[in-house]
Protein backbone atom coordinates (compact mmCIF):
# COMPACT_ATOMS: atom_id res chain seq x y z
CA MET A 1 12.06 -19.20 40.33
CA SER A 2 8.72 -17.90 39.35
CA ALA A 3 8.09 -14.56 37.48
CA GLU A 4 6.38 -13.31 40.71
CA GLY A 5 9.66 -13.75 42.68
CA SER A 6 11.51 -11.96 40.03
CA ARG A 7 9.06 -9.26 39.79
CA LYS A 8 9.31 -8.51 43.65
CA ALA A 9 13.04 -8.09 43.37
CA ILE A 10 12.69 -5.89 40.30
CA ILE A 11 10.15 -3.60 41.90
CA ALA A 12 12.37 -3.23 45.03
CA ALA A 13 15.39 -2.30 42.80
CA LEU A 14 13.34 0.08 40.81
CA SER A 15 11.97 1.87 43.75
CA ALA A 16 15.47 2.14 45.32
CA ASN A 17 17.10 3.22 42.25
CA LEU A 18 14.58 6.01 41.45
CA GLY A 19 15.09 7.77 44.75
CA ILE A 20 18.77 7.27 44.72
CA ALA A 21 19.03 8.85 41.27
CA VAL A 22 17.42 11.93 42.30
CA ALA A 23 19.53 12.18 45.41
CA LYS A 24 22.64 11.66 43.48
CA PHE A 25 21.92 14.39 40.83
CA VAL A 26 21.00 16.75 43.69
CA GLY A 27 24.36 15.93 45.27
CA PHE A 28 26.24 16.58 41.98
CA ALA A 29 24.48 19.94 41.52
CA LEU A 30 25.71 20.91 44.96
CA THR A 31 29.20 19.43 44.97
CA GLY A 32 30.25 19.19 41.36
CA SER A 33 31.62 15.55 42.11
CA SER A 34 32.21 13.73 38.77
CA SER A 35 31.84 10.42 40.69
CA MET A 36 28.42 11.55 42.00
CA LEU A 37 27.44 12.39 38.46
CA ALA A 38 28.62 9.03 37.21
CA GLU A 39 26.73 7.34 39.94
CA GLY A 40 23.59 9.29 39.15
CA VAL A 41 23.65 8.14 35.51
CA HIS A 42 24.43 4.64 36.94
CA SER A 43 21.18 4.88 38.89
CA VAL A 44 19.16 6.28 35.90
CA ALA A 45 20.44 3.39 33.95
CA ASP A 46 19.44 0.82 36.54
CA THR A 47 15.96 2.39 36.83
CA SER A 48 15.67 2.08 33.16
CA ASN A 49 16.88 -1.54 33.31
CA GLN A 50 14.16 -2.50 35.69
CA ALA A 51 11.50 -0.88 33.55
CA LEU A 52 12.77 -2.92 30.65
CA LEU A 53 12.62 -6.20 32.73
CA LEU A 54 9.18 -5.46 33.67
CA ARG A 55 8.24 -4.83 30.09
CA GLY A 56 9.80 -8.22 29.23
CA GLN A 57 7.73 -9.91 31.79
CA ALA A 58 4.49 -8.32 30.55
CA ALA A 59 5.39 -9.33 26.97
CA ALA A 60 6.09 -12.90 27.95
CA ARG A 61 2.49 -13.31 29.19
CA ARG A 62 0.99 -12.93 25.76
CA SER A 63 -0.84 -15.93 24.53
CA PRO A 64 0.62 -18.02 21.65
CA ASP A 65 -0.67 -17.07 18.16
CA PRO A 66 -0.21 -18.39 14.62
CA GLU A 67 3.01 -16.33 14.19
CA HIS A 68 4.47 -17.38 17.53
CA PRO A 69 3.04 -20.86 18.17
CA PHE A 70 5.26 -21.51 21.20
CA GLY A 71 4.31 -18.05 22.92
CA TYR A 72 6.35 -15.23 23.77
CA GLY A 73 8.26 -16.61 26.97
CA ARG A 74 11.62 -15.55 25.38
CA SER A 75 10.72 -12.00 25.44
CA ARG A 76 12.22 -11.96 29.02
CA TYR A 77 15.52 -12.98 27.58
CA PHE A 78 15.37 -10.45 24.84
CA TYR A 79 14.78 -7.53 27.27
CA ALA A 80 17.45 -8.73 29.62
CA PHE A 81 19.76 -8.74 26.69
CA ILE A 82 18.85 -5.23 25.72
CA VAL A 83 19.59 -4.05 29.36
CA ALA A 84 22.96 -5.62 29.26
CA LEU A 85 23.88 -4.46 25.89
CA VAL A 86 22.62 -0.95 25.75
CA ILE A 87 21.93 0.43 29.14
CA PHE A 88 24.99 -0.81 31.11
CA LEU A 89 27.38 -0.15 28.19
CA LEU A 90 26.01 3.31 27.85
CA GLY A 91 26.44 4.00 31.55
CA ALA A 92 29.97 2.39 31.34
CA VAL A 93 31.07 4.56 28.34
CA PHE A 94 29.65 7.84 29.98
CA ALA A 95 31.46 7.20 33.24
CA ILE A 96 34.70 6.19 31.63
CA PHE A 97 34.77 9.56 29.51
CA GLU A 98 33.76 11.59 32.42
CA GLY A 99 36.43 9.98 34.56
CA ILE A 100 39.20 10.59 32.06
CA GLU A 101 38.15 14.24 31.50
CA LYS A 102 38.18 14.93 35.31
CA ILE A 103 41.53 13.34 35.74
CA HIS A 104 42.99 15.53 33.04
CA GLU A 105 41.12 18.74 34.16
CA PRO A 106 40.18 18.17 37.94
CA HIS A 107 37.72 20.51 39.50
CA LYS A 108 37.62 21.29 43.18
CA LEU A 109 34.57 19.75 44.99
CA GLU A 110 32.15 22.09 46.73
CA ASN A 111 30.36 20.89 49.85
CA PRO A 112 31.84 17.48 49.78
CA TRP A 113 30.14 16.32 52.99
CA ILE A 114 26.81 16.54 51.27
CA ALA A 115 28.15 14.08 48.72
CA VAL A 116 29.35 11.76 51.54
CA ALA A 117 26.00 11.97 53.29
CA ILE A 118 23.90 11.16 49.99
CA LEU A 119 26.30 8.27 49.13
CA GLY A 120 25.93 6.88 52.70
CA VAL A 121 22.11 6.97 52.28
CA ALA A 122 22.35 5.36 48.88
CA VAL A 123 24.38 2.36 50.26
CA LEU A 124 21.58 1.79 52.75
CA LEU A 125 19.02 1.88 49.99
CA GLU A 126 21.05 -0.31 47.51
CA GLY A 127 21.71 -2.71 50.45
CA TYR A 128 17.94 -3.21 50.83
CA SER A 129 17.49 -3.84 47.07
CA PHE A 130 20.38 -6.41 47.03
CA ALA A 131 19.01 -8.14 50.08
CA THR A 132 15.57 -8.55 48.33
CA ALA A 133 17.11 -9.80 45.13
CA TRP A 134 19.47 -12.01 47.19
CA GLY A 135 16.62 -13.38 49.31
CA GLU A 136 14.46 -14.38 46.08
CA SER A 137 17.57 -15.94 44.38
CA ARG A 138 18.54 -18.14 47.31
CA LYS A 139 15.04 -19.88 46.87
CA SER A 140 16.42 -21.50 43.73
CA MET A 141 20.30 -21.44 44.25
CA ASP A 142 20.42 -25.02 45.64
CA GLY A 143 23.88 -24.35 47.29
CA GLN A 144 25.37 -22.52 44.33
CA SER A 145 27.57 -19.49 44.59
CA LEU A 146 26.53 -16.08 43.16
CA PHE A 147 28.70 -16.82 40.09
CA GLN A 148 27.35 -20.33 39.58
CA PHE A 149 23.85 -19.01 39.91
CA VAL A 150 24.48 -16.29 37.32
CA ARG A 151 26.09 -18.96 34.99
CA HIS A 152 23.50 -21.60 35.30
CA THR A 153 20.02 -20.09 36.02
CA ARG A 154 17.53 -19.93 33.22
CA ASN A 155 15.83 -16.93 34.99
CA PRO A 156 17.06 -13.65 33.33
CA GLU A 157 15.91 -10.97 35.76
CA LEU A 158 17.47 -12.17 39.02
CA PRO A 159 21.02 -12.17 37.74
CA VAL A 160 20.55 -8.82 36.07
CA VAL A 161 19.12 -7.32 39.30
CA LEU A 162 21.83 -9.11 41.59
CA LEU A 163 24.66 -8.03 39.39
CA GLU A 164 23.17 -4.47 39.05
CA ASP A 165 22.87 -4.15 42.81
CA ALA A 166 26.25 -5.65 43.56
CA GLY A 167 27.79 -3.31 40.98
CA ALA A 168 25.80 -0.27 42.56
CA LEU A 169 27.16 -1.15 45.95
CA ILE A 170 30.79 -1.46 44.82
CA GLY A 171 30.38 1.80 42.74
CA LEU A 172 29.08 3.63 45.79
CA VAL A 173 32.08 2.41 47.85
CA LEU A 174 34.36 3.79 44.94
CA ALA A 175 32.54 7.14 44.87
CA LEU A 176 32.87 7.45 48.63
CA GLY A 177 36.47 6.61 48.33
CA GLY A 178 36.99 9.05 45.61
CA VAL A 179 35.20 12.07 47.40
CA GLY A 180 36.80 10.96 50.84
CA LEU A 181 40.35 11.05 49.29
CA SER A 182 39.60 14.26 47.52
CA LEU A 183 38.48 15.74 50.80
CA VAL A 184 41.49 14.37 52.78
CA THR A 185 44.18 15.24 50.28
CA GLY A 186 42.71 18.40 48.84
CA ASP A 187 43.39 16.84 45.23
CA PRO A 188 40.05 16.44 43.28
CA VAL A 189 41.91 14.02 40.84
CA TRP A 190 40.78 11.17 43.17
CA ASP A 191 37.17 11.91 42.24
CA GLY A 192 38.06 11.42 38.52
CA ILE A 193 39.83 8.15 39.32
CA ALA A 194 36.87 6.88 41.26
CA THR A 195 34.64 7.86 38.19
CA LEU A 196 36.93 5.86 35.91
CA CYS A 197 36.86 2.89 38.17
CA ILE A 198 32.98 2.94 38.07
CA GLY A 199 33.09 2.95 34.30
CA VAL A 200 35.28 -0.06 34.15
CA LEU A 201 33.05 -1.91 36.83
CA LEU A 202 29.97 -1.25 34.66
CA ALA A 203 31.73 -2.33 31.49
CA THR A 204 32.80 -5.69 33.25
CA ILE A 205 29.10 -6.25 34.53
CA ALA A 206 27.78 -5.42 31.15
CA LEU A 207 30.10 -8.06 29.36
CA VAL A 208 29.26 -10.68 31.77
CA LEU A 209 25.52 -10.18 31.28
CA ILE A 210 25.87 -9.91 27.59
CA VAL A 211 27.31 -13.37 27.38
CA GLU A 212 24.96 -15.01 29.78
CA MET A 213 21.78 -13.31 28.30
CA GLY A 214 22.87 -13.85 24.69
CA SER A 215 23.18 -17.55 25.49
CA LEU A 216 19.70 -17.65 26.98
CA LEU A 217 18.41 -15.70 23.90
CA ILE A 218 20.04 -18.14 21.37
CA GLY A 219 18.48 -20.97 23.37
CA GLU A 220 19.72 -23.07 26.27
CA GLY A 221 18.51 -26.60 27.19
CA ALA A 222 17.90 -28.24 30.43
CA THR A 223 20.40 -28.03 33.21
CA PRO A 224 22.46 -31.14 33.73
CA ASP A 225 20.63 -32.21 36.75
CA GLN A 226 17.27 -31.70 34.89
CA GLN A 227 18.55 -33.58 31.92
CA ARG A 228 19.42 -36.59 34.24
CA GLN A 229 15.92 -36.42 35.76
CA ILE A 230 14.28 -36.32 32.29
CA LEU A 231 16.20 -39.36 31.10
CA LEU A 232 15.34 -41.25 34.27
CA ALA A 233 11.69 -40.34 33.75
CA LEU A 234 11.61 -41.58 30.28
CA GLN A 235 13.43 -44.85 30.90
CA GLU A 236 12.43 -45.97 34.57
CA GLY A 237 9.12 -47.56 33.48
CA PRO A 238 8.33 -50.55 31.38
CA GLU A 239 6.73 -48.52 28.56
CA ILE A 240 10.00 -47.70 26.81
CA GLU A 241 12.95 -49.91 25.89
CA ARG A 242 15.48 -47.01 25.52
CA VAL A 243 15.85 -43.40 24.50
CA ILE A 244 17.36 -43.03 21.17
CA HIS A 245 17.87 -39.26 21.51
CA CYS A 246 16.48 -36.42 23.60
CA ARG A 247 16.49 -32.62 22.99
CA THR A 248 15.54 -29.95 25.38
CA LEU A 249 15.02 -26.16 24.89
CA TYR A 250 13.86 -23.47 27.26
CA LEU A 251 11.07 -21.44 25.55
CA GLY A 252 10.97 -19.09 28.66
CA PRO A 253 12.33 -19.29 32.20
CA ASP A 254 9.44 -21.43 33.25
CA GLU A 255 8.75 -23.29 29.91
CA LEU A 256 10.95 -26.21 29.06
CA LEU A 257 10.27 -28.26 25.80
CA VAL A 258 11.28 -31.94 25.70
CA ALA A 259 11.48 -33.73 22.41
CA ALA A 260 12.56 -37.39 22.62
CA LYS A 261 12.62 -40.34 20.12
CA VAL A 262 12.21 -43.68 22.10
CA ALA A 263 12.34 -47.36 21.14
CA VAL A 264 9.38 -49.54 21.67
CA PRO A 265 8.82 -53.26 20.97
CA GLY A 266 8.00 -53.84 17.32
CA ASN A 267 4.68 -55.60 17.94
CA THR A 268 3.21 -52.94 20.28
CA ASP A 269 -0.23 -51.65 19.15
CA LEU A 270 -1.03 -47.94 18.89
CA THR A 271 -3.48 -48.01 21.87
CA THR A 272 -0.74 -49.28 24.14
CA ILE A 273 1.75 -46.80 22.72
CA ALA A 274 -0.53 -43.88 23.31
CA LYS A 275 -1.07 -44.98 26.97
CA ALA A 276 2.66 -45.42 27.46
CA VAL A 277 3.24 -41.94 26.13
CA ASP A 278 0.65 -40.49 28.45
CA THR A 279 2.25 -42.24 31.43
CA VAL A 280 5.75 -40.93 30.46
CA GLU A 281 4.49 -37.43 30.09
CA ALA A 282 2.94 -37.46 33.58
CA ARG A 283 6.22 -38.82 35.08
CA LEU A 284 8.27 -36.16 33.28
CA ARG A 285 6.14 -33.32 34.55
CA GLU A 286 6.29 -34.76 38.17
CA ARG A 287 10.13 -35.06 38.13
CA VAL A 288 10.77 -31.68 36.36
CA PRO A 289 8.02 -29.07 36.95
CA GLU A 290 9.52 -26.71 34.49
CA VAL A 291 8.55 -29.19 31.57
CA ASP A 292 5.79 -27.60 29.66
CA LEU A 293 5.68 -28.97 26.00
CA ILE A 294 6.48 -32.71 25.43
CA TYR A 295 6.89 -34.36 22.16
CA ILE A 296 7.66 -38.13 22.01
CA GLU A 297 8.21 -39.95 18.79
CA PRO A 298 7.96 -43.85 19.26
CA ASP A 299 10.30 -45.98 17.05
CA VAL A 300 11.13 -49.63 16.67
CA ASP A 301 14.25 -50.52 18.31
CA ARG A 302 16.52 -51.23 15.25
CA ARG A 303 19.41 -52.56 17.26
CA ARG A 304 17.81 -55.87 17.62
């Protein structure tokens, strides 16, 4: 998935969440609903998330320099990790504390139908944002489920936006349930329970993203399918007798480094080896377009 596809999903989410945040805070001011306040903070967090993801993409476009000879591609992983670690957890902690407070000291809702109307509109806007992110993600899912995609993709932005939007939709349903039950039963404690549930939801999403983005930030290699294709590309021609070992590392979502030590016949001259390396590199890039940097070390096959 290109950065352009991720950018489209981020901008759609940013636009939706900014409008939703304003509407939710207006709704809280008119109704006093704690779940509406928690959802407003949730939307502010989501808006900040998207701004950070865009900043990460901008930083990743910087050219390599002596201090960072492999470039800045992993900036996208760093900013995605910050989104998971700080923004989501802050939103989760706020909602959990707000929910606990409102359960212990419930306050009667004012104008609850305003909250219902605003939340209904928010569901539509969040649905649009989720549909955009889902459409962009499906281009590279290859039949994977949402969980498998989040687990295996090397693109940091789309999983963040997908889980954000999925969490937002679930949170809106919880907020509607809390306001609705408070309206039907006349007991505002349901609003506090919904707020607490929203906090737990945000914390769960945060933990999932922290694990996945942390793994990408530390450094992940090629996917199993890419690894198979790389080994095939290295070995399928007559230039190389066998692959002694091969290591891969994603320097950024679209920048895969391949380093391989390969065995060549002991009597091969340097010119032939150089041509063989060029041929193998071309074959690698054709089979796995994400391959950016290639380092091949020829060696004599010592098993003979």
